[in-house]
Amino acid sequence: MPDVTFYRNEALPFLEAKQCTKSDLTYQKHFHEEYSIGSIDEGETSAWCDGTMHQVEAGRVISFPPYMLHACHPTSLTVWRYKMLFIKQDWLK
């Protein structure tokens, strides 16, 4: 399985799912145009969001509204798996 996999379905053009299984992926500050909802499956991350740092561990859900600047950095380089769902604003409204 690839380290990062995206799932799309033409019947659901307003949704995109992402699964990440690579522990050494860290992200610079960025934002998404969509609503982002994530589930931490394994490991823990330091999540910077709107100027505040949060610790998010396995079993927790994290979400970001559109255009909110954020970054995530796994606390362990050996254990890190998560899933994200991106939902287009137009559909959610």
Protein backbone atom coordinates (compact mmCIF):
# COMPACT_ATOMS: atom_id res chain seq x y z
CA MET A 1 0.00 0.00 0.00
CA PRO A 2 1.32 3.50 -0.78
CA ASP A 3 2.22 5.78 2.12
CA VAL A 4 -0.53 8.23 1.17
CA THR A 5 -3.69 7.16 -0.65
CA PHE A 6 -6.52 9.37 -1.89
CA TYR A 7 -10.00 8.02 -2.50
CA ARG A 8 -12.45 9.72 -4.86
CA ASN A 9 -15.74 8.62 -6.36
CA GLU A 10 -17.37 10.34 -9.33
CA ALA A 11 -20.79 9.81 -7.72
CA LEU A 12 -19.62 11.85 -4.68
CA PRO A 13 -17.69 14.79 -6.21
CA PHE A 14 -18.02 16.83 -2.99
CA LEU A 15 -15.95 14.35 -0.92
CA GLU A 16 -12.34 13.22 -0.92
CA ALA A 17 -10.74 10.84 1.57
CA LYS A 18 -7.06 10.46 2.40
CA GLN A 19 -5.28 7.68 4.30
CA CYS A 20 -1.70 8.13 5.49
CA THR A 21 0.47 5.31 6.82
CA LYS A 22 3.91 6.93 6.74
CA SER A 23 5.32 8.09 10.02
CA ASP A 24 7.90 10.55 8.74
CA LEU A 25 5.44 12.83 6.96
CA THR A 26 5.23 16.26 8.54
CA TYR A 27 3.45 19.22 7.12
CA GLN A 28 4.30 22.88 6.85
CA LYS A 29 1.60 25.41 7.67
CA HIS A 30 -1.13 25.16 5.07
CA PHE A 31 -4.90 25.32 4.62
CA HIS A 32 -7.60 23.57 2.62
CA GLU A 33 -10.53 25.08 0.76
CA GLU A 34 -12.71 22.26 2.15
CA TYR A 35 -13.83 21.30 5.64
CA SER A 36 -11.28 18.77 6.94
CA ILE A 37 -12.11 16.05 9.46
CA GLY A 38 -9.42 13.61 10.55
CA SER A 39 -9.13 10.51 12.68
CA ILE A 40 -5.83 9.57 14.30
CA ASP A 41 -5.56 5.79 14.02
CA GLU A 42 -2.13 5.26 15.54
CA GLY A 43 0.42 7.52 17.18
CA GLU A 44 0.21 11.13 18.27
CA THR A 45 0.70 14.49 16.61
CA SER A 46 1.48 18.03 17.62
CA ALA A 47 -1.12 20.03 15.74
CA TRP A 48 -0.59 23.76 15.31
CA CYS A 49 -3.88 25.49 14.58
CA ASP A 50 -4.59 29.20 14.45
CA GLY A 51 -1.63 30.02 16.71
CA THR A 52 -2.21 27.31 19.31
CA MET A 53 -0.46 23.94 19.69
CA HIS A 54 -2.58 20.86 20.51
CA GLN A 55 -1.56 17.26 21.24
CA VAL A 56 -3.83 14.81 19.43
CA GLU A 57 -3.47 11.09 20.13
CA ALA A 58 -4.85 7.89 18.61
CA GLY A 59 -8.61 7.57 18.88
CA ARG A 60 -9.17 11.32 18.63
CA VAL A 61 -10.76 13.35 15.86
CA ILE A 62 -9.43 16.68 14.63
CA SER A 63 -11.17 19.12 12.32
CA PHE A 64 -10.37 22.36 10.52
CA PRO A 65 -12.77 24.77 8.86
CA PRO A 66 -11.93 25.97 5.34
CA TYR A 67 -8.95 28.31 5.05
CA MET A 68 -7.78 27.81 8.67
CA LEU A 69 -3.99 27.74 8.74
CA HIS A 70 -2.69 24.55 10.42
CA ALA A 71 0.22 22.10 10.55
CA CYS A 72 0.70 18.62 12.03
CA HIS A 73 3.93 16.98 13.17
CA PRO A 74 3.91 13.36 14.40
CA THR A 75 5.60 12.97 17.78
CA SER A 76 7.05 9.57 16.80
CA LEU A 77 8.76 8.70 13.56
CA THR A 78 7.85 5.03 13.94
CA VAL A 79 4.10 5.13 14.64
CA TRP A 80 1.75 7.43 12.72
CA ARG A 81 -1.44 6.61 10.82
CA TYR A 82 -4.47 8.78 10.15
CA LYS A 83 -7.44 9.31 7.84
CA MET A 84 -8.85 12.62 6.60
CA LEU A 85 -12.15 13.46 4.95
CA PHE A 86 -12.38 16.65 2.90
CA ILE A 87 -15.89 18.04 2.33
CA LYS A 88 -16.56 20.81 -0.17
CA GLN A 89 -18.16 23.90 1.34
CA ASP A 90 -20.91 24.23 -1.27
CA TRP A 91 -22.24 20.77 -0.57
CA LEU A 92 -22.12 21.09 3.23
CA LYS A 93 -24.07 24.35 3.21
